C-alpha cells in the first residue's frame, strides 16, 4: 500500500475530512506532507477530538523509533479501539511499553511507539502482510469515530 492508496481507501468512507498540510496552509511546517483523518460530515476541522488515523512521513520530536528518515518510508497510525489492539498485540494498551516491538520493522502491526498506551496501532510501509489488516483497522477506526461523533455533539467543531 502506498500513501495515496490509503488516503483513497479512507476517503471512500462517508463524512471523512482529510487534512494534508503543506506550504501556504495554516499548519505547523512539521506537519507538511502528513495526512490526518477525521470524521466530520460537515467538512469542518473538529476542535475537540483527535484524528481517527494519521499518516506521518517523517520523524517527530520524541517519535524517532520508526526511523521515518529512511527513503520512501511512512507510518500509518490508527486508533482502532481496545478490542482490536488486544486482538492484534495480545495485551491491553496500558501494557504496550517494553513488549519488545521494533517500531522500525516494515509491514508489521505494532503498538504506536508513543501512543500505544492510548490504544493506537501503527504500521510502517504496509505491504502484502498487513494491507488487509490495515484496511480493516482503518474501517473500524472510522466506525468508532463516527459513533463518538453521533453520541457526543460536544466533540464537533464549533
N, C-alpha and C. Protein backbone atom coordinates (compact mmCIF):
# COMPACT_ATOMS: atom_id res chain seq x y z
N UNK A 1 0.85 -1.19 0.00
CA UNK A 1 0.00 0.00 0.00
C UNK A 1 0.89 1.24 0.00
N UNK A 2 0.50 2.19 -0.80
CA UNK A 2 1.22 3.46 -0.73
C UNK A 2 0.30 4.50 -0.08
N UNK A 3 0.83 5.67 0.13
CA UNK A 3 0.08 6.72 0.83
C UNK A 3 -1.21 7.07 0.08
N UNK A 4 -1.14 7.22 -1.22
CA UNK A 4 -2.33 7.58 -2.00
C UNK A 4 -3.41 6.50 -1.92
N UNK A 5 -3.01 5.24 -1.90
CA UNK A 5 -3.99 4.16 -1.77
C UNK A 5 -4.68 4.20 -0.41
N UNK A 6 -3.93 4.49 0.63
CA UNK A 6 -4.52 4.58 1.97
C UNK A 6 -5.49 5.76 2.03
N UNK A 7 -5.06 6.90 1.52
CA UNK A 7 -5.93 8.09 1.53
C UNK A 7 -7.21 7.82 0.74
N UNK A 8 -7.08 7.22 -0.41
CA UNK A 8 -8.25 6.89 -1.22
C UNK A 8 -9.19 5.94 -0.48
N UNK A 9 -8.63 4.92 0.17
CA UNK A 9 -9.45 3.97 0.92
C UNK A 9 -10.23 4.69 2.03
N UNK A 10 -9.54 5.51 2.81
CA UNK A 10 -10.21 6.21 3.92
C UNK A 10 -11.25 7.18 3.37
N UNK A 11 -10.93 7.88 2.30
CA UNK A 11 -11.86 8.86 1.74
C UNK A 11 -13.10 8.23 1.13
N UNK A 12 -13.10 6.94 0.89
CA UNK A 12 -14.30 6.25 0.41
C UNK A 12 -15.35 6.06 1.50
N UNK A 13 -15.02 6.37 2.73
CA UNK A 13 -15.98 6.33 3.83
C UNK A 13 -16.69 7.68 3.90
N UNK A 14 -17.98 7.67 4.08
CA UNK A 14 -18.78 8.91 4.14
C UNK A 14 -18.36 9.78 5.32
N UNK A 15 -18.33 11.08 5.10
CA UNK A 15 -18.11 12.04 6.18
C UNK A 15 -16.68 12.21 6.63
N UNK A 16 -15.72 11.72 5.87
CA UNK A 16 -14.31 11.85 6.25
C UNK A 16 -13.77 13.19 5.78
N UNK A 17 -13.07 13.85 6.68
CA UNK A 17 -12.32 15.05 6.35
C UNK A 17 -10.85 14.68 6.42
N UNK A 18 -10.15 14.83 5.31
CA UNK A 18 -8.73 14.53 5.24
C UNK A 18 -7.96 15.83 5.16
N UNK A 19 -7.06 16.03 6.11
CA UNK A 19 -6.19 17.20 6.09
C UNK A 19 -4.82 16.77 5.62
N UNK A 20 -4.29 17.51 4.64
CA UNK A 20 -2.95 17.26 4.11
C UNK A 20 -2.20 18.59 4.12
N UNK A 21 -1.68 18.99 5.28
CA UNK A 21 -1.00 20.28 5.37
C UNK A 21 0.19 20.38 4.43
N UNK A 22 0.38 21.59 3.96
CA UNK A 22 1.52 21.86 3.08
C UNK A 22 1.85 23.34 3.10
N UNK A 23 2.82 23.76 2.32
CA UNK A 23 3.20 25.17 2.28
C UNK A 23 1.99 26.06 1.98
N UNK A 24 1.92 27.15 2.69
CA UNK A 24 0.83 28.09 2.49
C UNK A 24 -0.39 27.81 3.35
N UNK A 25 -0.43 26.65 3.97
CA UNK A 25 -1.55 26.31 4.85
C UNK A 25 -1.25 26.83 6.25
N UNK A 26 -2.28 26.98 7.03
CA UNK A 26 -2.14 27.50 8.38
C UNK A 26 -1.89 26.36 9.37
N UNK A 27 -0.84 25.57 9.10
CA UNK A 27 -0.48 24.44 9.94
C UNK A 27 1.02 24.49 10.18
N UNK A 28 1.50 23.92 11.28
CA UNK A 28 2.94 23.93 11.52
C UNK A 28 3.71 23.24 10.40
N UNK A 29 4.85 23.77 10.06
CA UNK A 29 5.65 23.21 8.97
C UNK A 29 5.98 21.74 9.21
N UNK A 30 6.15 21.35 10.46
CA UNK A 30 6.46 19.96 10.78
C UNK A 30 5.40 19.01 10.24
N UNK A 31 4.15 19.45 10.15
CA UNK A 31 3.06 18.58 9.70
C UNK A 31 2.94 18.50 8.18
N UNK A 32 3.66 19.33 7.45
CA UNK A 32 3.55 19.33 6.00
C UNK A 32 3.91 17.95 5.43
N UNK A 33 3.11 17.47 4.53
CA UNK A 33 3.34 16.17 3.90
C UNK A 33 2.67 15.02 4.61
N UNK A 34 2.14 15.25 5.80
CA UNK A 34 1.44 14.21 6.54
C UNK A 34 -0.06 14.30 6.28
N UNK A 35 -0.81 13.30 6.72
CA UNK A 35 -2.26 13.27 6.50
C UNK A 35 -2.97 12.95 7.81
N UNK A 36 -4.11 13.62 8.02
CA UNK A 36 -4.88 13.47 9.25
C UNK A 36 -6.34 13.23 8.87
N UNK A 37 -6.93 12.17 9.42
CA UNK A 37 -8.29 11.78 9.05
C UNK A 37 -9.24 11.98 10.23
N UNK A 38 -10.31 12.72 9.96
CA UNK A 38 -11.35 12.99 10.96
C UNK A 38 -12.69 12.54 10.42
N UNK A 39 -13.58 12.17 11.33
CA UNK A 39 -14.96 12.03 10.93
C UNK A 39 -15.59 13.40 11.14
N UNK A 40 -16.02 14.03 10.06
CA UNK A 40 -16.60 15.37 10.12
C UNK A 40 -17.50 15.57 8.91
N UNK A 41 -18.75 15.09 9.00
CA UNK A 41 -19.63 15.17 7.83
C UNK A 41 -19.92 16.59 7.36
N UNK A 42 -19.71 17.59 8.23
CA UNK A 42 -19.94 18.97 7.78
C UNK A 42 -18.67 19.58 7.17
N UNK A 43 -17.57 18.83 7.14
CA UNK A 43 -16.36 19.28 6.47
C UNK A 43 -15.52 20.29 7.23
N UNK A 44 -15.82 20.52 8.51
CA UNK A 44 -15.02 21.44 9.30
C UNK A 44 -14.08 20.67 10.21
N UNK A 45 -12.96 21.27 10.53
CA UNK A 45 -11.98 20.61 11.39
C UNK A 45 -12.54 20.53 12.80
N UNK A 46 -12.68 19.33 13.34
CA UNK A 46 -13.18 19.21 14.72
C UNK A 46 -12.20 19.87 15.69
N UNK A 47 -12.74 20.57 16.65
CA UNK A 47 -11.88 21.29 17.60
C UNK A 47 -11.66 20.52 18.89
N UNK A 48 -12.47 19.51 19.13
CA UNK A 48 -12.38 18.81 20.41
C UNK A 48 -12.19 17.31 20.26
N UNK A 49 -11.52 16.91 19.23
CA UNK A 49 -11.28 15.49 19.02
C UNK A 49 -9.99 15.29 18.24
N UNK A 50 -9.42 14.13 18.40
CA UNK A 50 -8.21 13.76 17.67
C UNK A 50 -8.60 13.10 16.35
N UNK A 51 -7.71 13.05 15.39
CA UNK A 51 -7.99 12.29 14.18
C UNK A 51 -8.16 10.81 14.55
N UNK A 52 -8.87 10.07 13.71
CA UNK A 52 -9.01 8.64 13.98
C UNK A 52 -7.86 7.85 13.36
N UNK A 53 -7.13 8.47 12.46
CA UNK A 53 -5.94 7.86 11.86
C UNK A 53 -5.08 8.96 11.28
N UNK A 54 -3.80 8.66 11.13
CA UNK A 54 -2.87 9.61 10.53
C UNK A 54 -1.86 8.85 9.67
N UNK A 55 -1.22 9.58 8.79
CA UNK A 55 -0.05 9.07 8.07
C UNK A 55 1.05 10.08 8.29
N UNK A 56 2.18 9.62 8.80
CA UNK A 56 3.32 10.51 9.01
C UNK A 56 4.47 10.06 8.12
N UNK A 57 5.18 11.04 7.60
CA UNK A 57 6.22 10.79 6.61
C UNK A 57 7.62 11.13 7.10
N UNK A 58 7.70 11.49 8.36
CA UNK A 58 8.99 11.89 8.91
C UNK A 58 8.99 11.66 10.41
N UNK A 59 10.18 11.68 11.00
CA UNK A 59 10.30 11.60 12.44
C UNK A 59 9.76 12.88 13.06
N UNK A 60 9.14 12.75 14.22
CA UNK A 60 8.71 13.88 15.02
C UNK A 60 9.58 13.90 16.27
N UNK A 61 9.68 15.03 16.96
CA UNK A 61 10.43 15.05 18.21
C UNK A 61 9.89 13.99 19.17
N UNK A 62 10.77 13.23 19.77
CA UNK A 62 10.42 12.15 20.71
C UNK A 62 9.65 11.02 20.05
N UNK A 63 9.65 10.94 18.74
CA UNK A 63 9.00 9.85 18.00
C UNK A 63 9.88 9.52 16.79
N UNK A 64 11.02 8.89 17.09
CA UNK A 64 12.01 8.61 16.06
C UNK A 64 12.29 7.12 15.89
N UNK A 65 11.64 6.28 16.70
CA UNK A 65 11.95 4.85 16.70
C UNK A 65 11.55 4.13 15.42
N UNK A 66 10.60 4.68 14.67
CA UNK A 66 10.19 4.03 13.41
C UNK A 66 11.15 4.34 12.27
N UNK A 67 12.10 5.21 12.52
CA UNK A 67 13.13 5.56 11.54
C UNK A 67 12.51 6.02 10.22
N UNK A 68 11.62 6.98 10.33
CA UNK A 68 10.94 7.50 9.14
C UNK A 68 11.85 8.42 8.32
N UNK A 69 13.09 8.57 8.74
CA UNK A 69 14.06 9.33 7.96
C UNK A 69 14.66 8.47 6.84
N UNK A 70 14.27 7.19 6.76
CA UNK A 70 14.70 6.34 5.64
C UNK A 70 13.94 6.75 4.39
N UNK A 71 14.53 6.56 3.26
CA UNK A 71 13.92 6.93 1.99
C UNK A 71 12.61 6.16 1.77
N UNK A 72 11.59 6.88 1.29
CA UNK A 72 10.29 6.28 0.94
C UNK A 72 9.66 5.50 2.09
N UNK A 73 9.77 6.03 3.29
CA UNK A 73 9.23 5.37 4.47
C UNK A 73 8.17 6.25 5.11
N UNK A 74 7.05 5.66 5.48
CA UNK A 74 5.97 6.36 6.17
C UNK A 74 5.33 5.41 7.17
N UNK A 75 4.54 5.96 8.07
CA UNK A 75 3.84 5.14 9.05
C UNK A 75 2.39 5.55 9.11
N UNK A 76 1.51 4.55 9.03
CA UNK A 76 0.09 4.80 9.23
C UNK A 76 -0.21 4.49 10.70
N UNK A 77 -0.92 5.41 11.36
CA UNK A 77 -1.25 5.30 12.78
C UNK A 77 -2.77 5.23 12.90
N UNK A 78 -3.27 4.28 13.69
CA UNK A 78 -4.70 4.01 13.70
C UNK A 78 -5.19 3.82 15.13
N UNK A 79 -6.24 4.55 15.47
CA UNK A 79 -6.90 4.38 16.76
C UNK A 79 -8.13 3.49 16.55
N UNK A 80 -7.91 2.19 16.60
CA UNK A 80 -8.98 1.23 16.24
C UNK A 80 -9.67 0.63 17.46
N UNK A 81 -9.39 1.12 18.63
CA UNK A 81 -10.08 0.64 19.82
C UNK A 81 -9.34 -0.47 20.55
N UNK A 82 -9.74 -0.64 21.80
CA UNK A 82 -9.08 -1.60 22.68
C UNK A 82 -9.21 -3.03 22.18
N UNK A 83 -10.39 -3.42 21.69
CA UNK A 83 -10.58 -4.80 21.24
C UNK A 83 -9.63 -5.16 20.12
N UNK A 84 -9.51 -4.29 19.13
CA UNK A 84 -8.59 -4.54 18.02
C UNK A 84 -7.14 -4.56 18.52
N UNK A 85 -6.82 -3.67 19.42
CA UNK A 85 -5.47 -3.60 19.97
C UNK A 85 -5.11 -4.92 20.65
N UNK A 86 -6.00 -5.40 21.52
CA UNK A 86 -5.74 -6.65 22.24
C UNK A 86 -5.67 -7.82 21.27
N UNK A 87 -6.57 -7.86 20.31
CA UNK A 87 -6.60 -8.95 19.34
C UNK A 87 -5.27 -9.04 18.57
N UNK A 88 -4.71 -7.89 18.22
CA UNK A 88 -3.50 -7.88 17.39
C UNK A 88 -2.19 -7.93 18.18
N UNK A 89 -2.22 -7.50 19.43
CA UNK A 89 -0.97 -7.48 20.21
C UNK A 89 -0.95 -8.53 21.31
N UNK A 90 -2.12 -8.99 21.73
CA UNK A 90 -2.18 -9.98 22.81
C UNK A 90 -2.14 -9.39 24.20
N UNK A 91 -2.22 -8.08 24.31
CA UNK A 91 -2.21 -7.44 25.63
C UNK A 91 -2.95 -6.12 25.56
N UNK A 92 -3.40 -5.61 26.71
CA UNK A 92 -4.09 -4.32 26.71
C UNK A 92 -3.13 -3.17 26.42
N UNK A 93 -3.67 -2.05 25.94
CA UNK A 93 -2.81 -0.91 25.59
C UNK A 93 -1.88 -0.46 26.71
N UNK A 94 -2.36 -0.45 27.93
CA UNK A 94 -1.53 0.08 29.02
C UNK A 94 -0.26 -0.75 29.24
N UNK A 95 -0.22 -1.96 28.68
CA UNK A 95 0.94 -2.83 28.82
C UNK A 95 1.82 -2.83 27.56
N UNK A 96 1.62 -1.86 26.68
CA UNK A 96 2.34 -1.90 25.41
C UNK A 96 3.81 -1.52 25.53
N UNK A 97 4.17 -0.78 26.56
CA UNK A 97 5.57 -0.40 26.73
C UNK A 97 6.40 -1.64 27.08
N UNK A 98 7.59 -1.68 26.60
CA UNK A 98 8.55 -2.74 26.93
C UNK A 98 8.08 -4.13 26.52
N UNK A 99 7.40 -4.24 25.41
CA UNK A 99 6.95 -5.54 24.93
C UNK A 99 7.89 -6.11 23.86
N UNK A 100 8.95 -5.40 23.55
CA UNK A 100 9.94 -5.92 22.63
C UNK A 100 9.64 -5.70 21.16
N UNK A 101 8.71 -4.80 20.83
CA UNK A 101 8.42 -4.49 19.44
C UNK A 101 9.53 -3.63 18.86
N UNK A 102 9.81 -3.83 17.59
CA UNK A 102 10.74 -2.96 16.87
C UNK A 102 9.90 -2.08 15.95
N UNK A 103 9.63 -0.84 16.34
CA UNK A 103 8.76 0.03 15.56
C UNK A 103 9.35 0.50 14.24
N UNK A 104 10.52 0.01 13.88
CA UNK A 104 11.08 0.35 12.58
C UNK A 104 10.86 -0.78 11.57
N UNK A 105 10.29 -1.89 12.02
CA UNK A 105 10.06 -3.03 11.13
C UNK A 105 8.98 -2.68 10.11
N UNK A 106 9.26 -2.97 8.86
CA UNK A 106 8.30 -2.69 7.80
C UNK A 106 7.21 -3.76 7.77
N UNK A 107 5.98 -3.33 7.40
CA UNK A 107 4.88 -4.24 7.13
C UNK A 107 4.54 -5.14 8.32
N UNK A 108 4.49 -4.53 9.51
CA UNK A 108 4.13 -5.25 10.73
C UNK A 108 3.26 -4.34 11.60
N UNK A 109 2.18 -4.87 12.14
CA UNK A 109 1.33 -4.11 13.06
C UNK A 109 1.99 -4.15 14.44
N UNK A 110 2.10 -2.98 15.07
CA UNK A 110 2.68 -2.90 16.41
C UNK A 110 2.04 -1.73 17.16
N UNK A 111 2.15 -1.71 18.49
CA UNK A 111 1.65 -0.55 19.25
C UNK A 111 2.43 0.70 18.83
N UNK A 112 1.71 1.79 18.64
CA UNK A 112 2.38 3.05 18.29
C UNK A 112 3.48 3.32 19.31
N UNK A 113 4.68 3.72 18.85
CA UNK A 113 5.79 3.90 19.77
C UNK A 113 5.58 4.99 20.82
N UNK A 114 4.70 5.93 20.59
CA UNK A 114 4.43 6.98 21.57
C UNK A 114 3.03 6.82 22.16
N UNK A 115 2.04 6.52 21.33
CA UNK A 115 0.65 6.48 21.77
C UNK A 115 0.08 5.07 21.89
N UNK A 116 0.94 4.07 21.98
CA UNK A 116 0.48 2.70 22.16
C UNK A 116 -0.30 2.52 23.44
N UNK A 117 0.12 3.18 24.51
CA UNK A 117 -0.59 3.03 25.78
C UNK A 117 -1.99 3.65 25.72
N UNK A 118 -2.24 4.48 24.70
CA UNK A 118 -3.57 5.06 24.49
C UNK A 118 -4.37 4.22 23.48
N UNK A 119 -3.83 3.08 23.06
CA UNK A 119 -4.55 2.18 22.19
C UNK A 119 -4.31 2.36 20.70
N UNK A 120 -3.33 3.18 20.33
CA UNK A 120 -3.03 3.38 18.91
C UNK A 120 -2.14 2.26 18.40
N UNK A 121 -2.44 1.81 17.18
CA UNK A 121 -1.62 0.84 16.47
C UNK A 121 -0.93 1.54 15.30
N UNK A 122 0.14 0.94 14.79
CA UNK A 122 0.89 1.56 13.71
C UNK A 122 1.46 0.49 12.79
N UNK A 123 1.71 0.91 11.55
CA UNK A 123 2.38 0.05 10.57
C UNK A 123 3.28 0.94 9.72
N UNK A 124 4.54 0.57 9.61
CA UNK A 124 5.46 1.27 8.72
C UNK A 124 5.39 0.58 7.36
N UNK A 125 5.11 1.36 6.34
CA UNK A 125 5.02 0.87 4.96
C UNK A 125 4.20 -0.43 4.86
N UNK A 126 2.87 -0.32 5.07
CA UNK A 126 2.04 -1.53 4.95
C UNK A 126 2.22 -2.17 3.58
N UNK A 127 2.34 -3.48 3.58
CA UNK A 127 2.55 -4.22 2.34
C UNK A 127 1.67 -5.46 2.31
N UNK A 128 2.13 -6.48 1.63
CA UNK A 128 1.34 -7.69 1.42
C UNK A 128 0.91 -8.34 2.73
N UNK A 129 1.76 -8.31 3.74
CA UNK A 129 1.45 -8.97 5.01
C UNK A 129 0.38 -8.23 5.81
N UNK A 130 0.30 -6.89 5.70
CA UNK A 130 -0.59 -6.14 6.59
C UNK A 130 -1.68 -5.34 5.87
N UNK A 131 -1.69 -5.31 4.56
CA UNK A 131 -2.63 -4.45 3.83
C UNK A 131 -4.09 -4.73 4.22
N UNK A 132 -4.48 -5.98 4.27
CA UNK A 132 -5.86 -6.31 4.63
C UNK A 132 -6.16 -5.87 6.07
N UNK A 133 -5.25 -6.12 6.97
CA UNK A 133 -5.43 -5.72 8.37
C UNK A 133 -5.52 -4.20 8.49
N UNK A 134 -4.66 -3.49 7.77
CA UNK A 134 -4.70 -2.02 7.82
C UNK A 134 -6.05 -1.51 7.34
N UNK A 135 -6.57 -2.07 6.26
CA UNK A 135 -7.90 -1.65 5.78
C UNK A 135 -8.97 -1.92 6.84
N UNK A 136 -8.93 -3.10 7.45
CA UNK A 136 -9.90 -3.43 8.50
C UNK A 136 -9.78 -2.48 9.68
N UNK A 137 -8.55 -2.19 10.10
CA UNK A 137 -8.33 -1.27 11.23
C UNK A 137 -8.80 0.14 10.89
N UNK A 138 -8.53 0.60 9.69
CA UNK A 138 -8.99 1.93 9.29
C UNK A 138 -10.51 2.01 9.28
N UNK A 139 -11.17 0.96 8.81
CA UNK A 139 -12.64 0.95 8.80
C UNK A 139 -13.19 0.92 10.22
N UNK A 140 -12.56 0.15 11.09
CA UNK A 140 -13.00 0.10 12.49
C UNK A 140 -12.77 1.44 13.17
N UNK A 141 -11.63 2.05 12.91
CA UNK A 141 -11.33 3.35 13.49
C UNK A 141 -12.34 4.40 13.03
N UNK A 142 -12.67 4.36 11.75
CA UNK A 142 -13.70 5.25 11.19
C UNK A 142 -15.04 5.02 11.89
N UNK A 143 -15.43 3.75 12.03
CA UNK A 143 -16.71 3.42 12.67
C UNK A 143 -16.76 3.95 14.11
N UNK A 144 -15.68 3.79 14.84
CA UNK A 144 -15.63 4.28 16.21
C UNK A 144 -15.70 5.81 16.25
N UNK A 145 -15.00 6.48 15.35
CA UNK A 145 -15.03 7.95 15.30
C UNK A 145 -16.42 8.44 14.96
N UNK A 146 -17.07 7.78 14.02
CA UNK A 146 -18.43 8.16 13.64
C UNK A 146 -19.39 7.97 14.82
N UNK A 147 -19.26 6.87 15.52
CA UNK A 147 -20.12 6.61 16.69
C UNK A 147 -19.90 7.66 17.78
N UNK A 148 -18.64 8.06 18.01
CA UNK A 148 -18.36 9.11 19.00
C UNK A 148 -18.99 10.43 18.59
N UNK A 149 -18.91 10.74 17.32
CA UNK A 149 -19.47 11.98 16.79
C UNK A 149 -20.98 12.01 17.02
N UNK A 150 -21.64 10.92 16.71
CA UNK A 150 -23.09 10.84 16.87
C UNK A 150 -23.48 10.89 18.34
N UNK A 151 -22.71 10.20 19.17
CA UNK A 151 -23.02 10.10 20.61
C UNK A 151 -22.69 11.39 21.36
N UNK A 152 -21.68 12.14 20.90
CA UNK A 152 -21.19 13.29 21.66
C UNK A 152 -21.14 14.54 20.79
N UNK A 153 -22.24 15.29 20.72
CA UNK A 153 -22.24 16.50 19.89
C UNK A 153 -21.22 17.54 20.33
N UNK A 154 -20.74 17.47 21.57
CA UNK A 154 -19.75 18.44 22.04
C UNK A 154 -18.38 18.24 21.40
N UNK A 155 -18.16 17.09 20.75
CA UNK A 155 -16.87 16.84 20.13
C UNK A 155 -16.79 17.46 18.73
N UNK A 156 -17.89 17.99 18.26
CA UNK A 156 -17.94 18.55 16.90
C UNK A 156 -17.32 19.94 16.86
N UNK A 157 -16.99 20.37 15.70
CA UNK A 157 -16.43 21.71 15.52
C UNK A 157 -17.46 22.76 15.90
N UNK A 158 -16.98 23.85 16.42
CA UNK A 158 -17.87 24.94 16.82
C UNK A 158 -18.19 25.85 15.65
